[in-house]
Amino acid sequence: MGEGVSTDSTDDDSSIDCRAVVEELYTFLDGELSDGRRIQIERHYTGCSGCHEIVEFHASLKMTIASKCQEPVPDALRQRIRDALRAAE
């Protein structure tokens, strides 16, 4: 784990710890977690300074990238990606 990230839970919810927050970070930021799991992660990172810093950094990074990447994806690139995904199945 990186500096400031422990494997110990910092709140009463022993089913979530720093490692889980980091492992599920982008699933959390993308809004793809169940409501229950999202709440667990929010409870943990709001009470854990190391995780709070990590979540805030990556949320900011994600917003910055999204705001800078506004060009449409060319159709040829979309097709190459689709072909590669089909070949990987």
Protein backbone atom coordinates (compact mmCIF):
# COMPACT_ATOMS: atom_id res chain seq x y z
CA MET A 1 0.00 0.00 0.00
CA GLY A 2 1.07 3.57 -0.57
CA GLU A 3 2.00 6.05 2.09
CA GLY A 4 -0.96 7.00 4.24
CA VAL A 5 -2.92 3.86 3.40
CA SER A 6 -3.31 1.20 6.03
CA THR A 7 -5.13 -2.08 6.02
CA ASP A 8 -6.88 -1.27 9.27
CA SER A 9 -10.48 -0.11 9.37
CA THR A 10 -10.89 3.35 10.86
CA ASP A 11 -14.57 3.12 11.76
CA ASP A 12 -17.08 0.70 13.21
CA ASP A 13 -17.66 -1.02 9.86
CA SER A 14 -15.12 -3.84 9.83
CA SER A 15 -16.15 -4.98 6.32
CA ILE A 16 -14.32 -2.07 4.67
CA ASP A 17 -10.71 -0.98 5.05
CA CYS A 18 -8.19 1.16 3.21
CA ARG A 19 -7.24 -1.64 0.86
CA ALA A 20 -10.88 -2.10 -0.20
CA VAL A 21 -11.28 1.63 -0.80
CA VAL A 22 -8.23 1.67 -3.07
CA GLU A 23 -9.24 -1.53 -4.88
CA GLU A 24 -12.76 -0.25 -5.55
CA LEU A 25 -11.82 3.40 -6.11
CA TYR A 26 -12.76 3.76 -9.77
CA THR A 27 -15.84 1.59 -9.43
CA PHE A 28 -16.87 3.97 -6.63
CA LEU A 29 -16.02 7.12 -8.61
CA ASP A 30 -17.89 5.79 -11.66
CA GLY A 31 -21.02 5.22 -9.55
CA GLU A 32 -21.03 1.49 -10.26
CA LEU A 33 -21.26 0.20 -6.67
CA SER A 34 -24.41 -0.88 -4.89
CA ASP A 35 -25.85 1.74 -2.56
CA GLY A 36 -24.75 -0.29 0.46
CA ARG A 37 -21.16 -0.64 -0.69
CA ARG A 38 -20.99 3.03 -1.74
CA ILE A 39 -22.15 4.06 1.74
CA GLN A 40 -19.53 1.80 3.37
CA ILE A 41 -16.76 3.36 1.31
CA GLU A 42 -18.03 6.89 1.98
CA ARG A 43 -18.14 6.21 5.72
CA HIS A 44 -14.61 4.87 5.67
CA TYR A 45 -12.94 7.52 3.55
CA THR A 46 -14.63 10.44 5.31
CA GLY A 47 -13.09 9.22 8.57
CA CYS A 48 -9.70 8.20 7.17
CA SER A 49 -7.37 11.04 6.16
CA GLY A 50 -5.22 8.82 3.93
CA CYS A 51 -8.18 7.45 1.99
CA HIS A 52 -9.88 10.85 1.87
CA GLU A 53 -6.80 12.33 0.21
CA ILE A 54 -6.63 9.47 -2.32
CA VAL A 55 -10.35 9.67 -3.19
CA GLU A 56 -10.29 13.45 -3.57
CA PHE A 57 -7.16 13.35 -5.76
CA HIS A 58 -8.55 10.70 -8.10
CA ALA A 59 -11.99 12.34 -8.26
CA SER A 60 -10.32 15.61 -9.25
CA LEU A 61 -8.09 13.84 -11.78
CA LYS A 62 -11.09 12.09 -13.32
CA MET A 63 -12.97 15.41 -13.68
CA THR A 64 -9.92 17.12 -15.19
CA ILE A 65 -9.42 14.37 -17.76
CA ALA A 66 -13.13 14.38 -18.64
CA SER A 67 -13.12 18.15 -19.13
CA LYS A 68 -10.03 18.03 -21.37
CA CYS A 69 -11.09 15.04 -23.49
CA GLN A 70 -14.02 16.49 -25.40
CA GLU A 71 -13.02 15.49 -28.94
CA PRO A 72 -15.25 12.86 -30.55
CA VAL A 73 -13.70 9.44 -31.11
CA PRO A 74 -13.18 8.73 -34.81
CA ASP A 75 -15.39 5.96 -36.22
CA ALA A 76 -12.35 4.00 -37.42
CA LEU A 77 -10.94 3.93 -33.89
CA ARG A 78 -14.30 2.82 -32.47
CA GLN A 79 -14.37 -0.04 -34.97
CA ARG A 80 -10.79 -1.10 -34.14
CA ILE A 81 -11.69 -1.17 -30.44
CA ARG A 82 -14.83 -3.22 -31.11
CA ASP A 83 -12.82 -5.66 -33.25
CA ALA A 84 -10.14 -6.00 -30.56
CA LEU A 85 -12.75 -6.65 -27.87
CA ARG A 86 -14.46 -9.30 -29.98
CA ALA A 87 -11.11 -10.97 -30.70
CA ALA A 88 -10.33 -11.03 -26.98
CA GLU A 89 -13.53 -12.92 -26.12
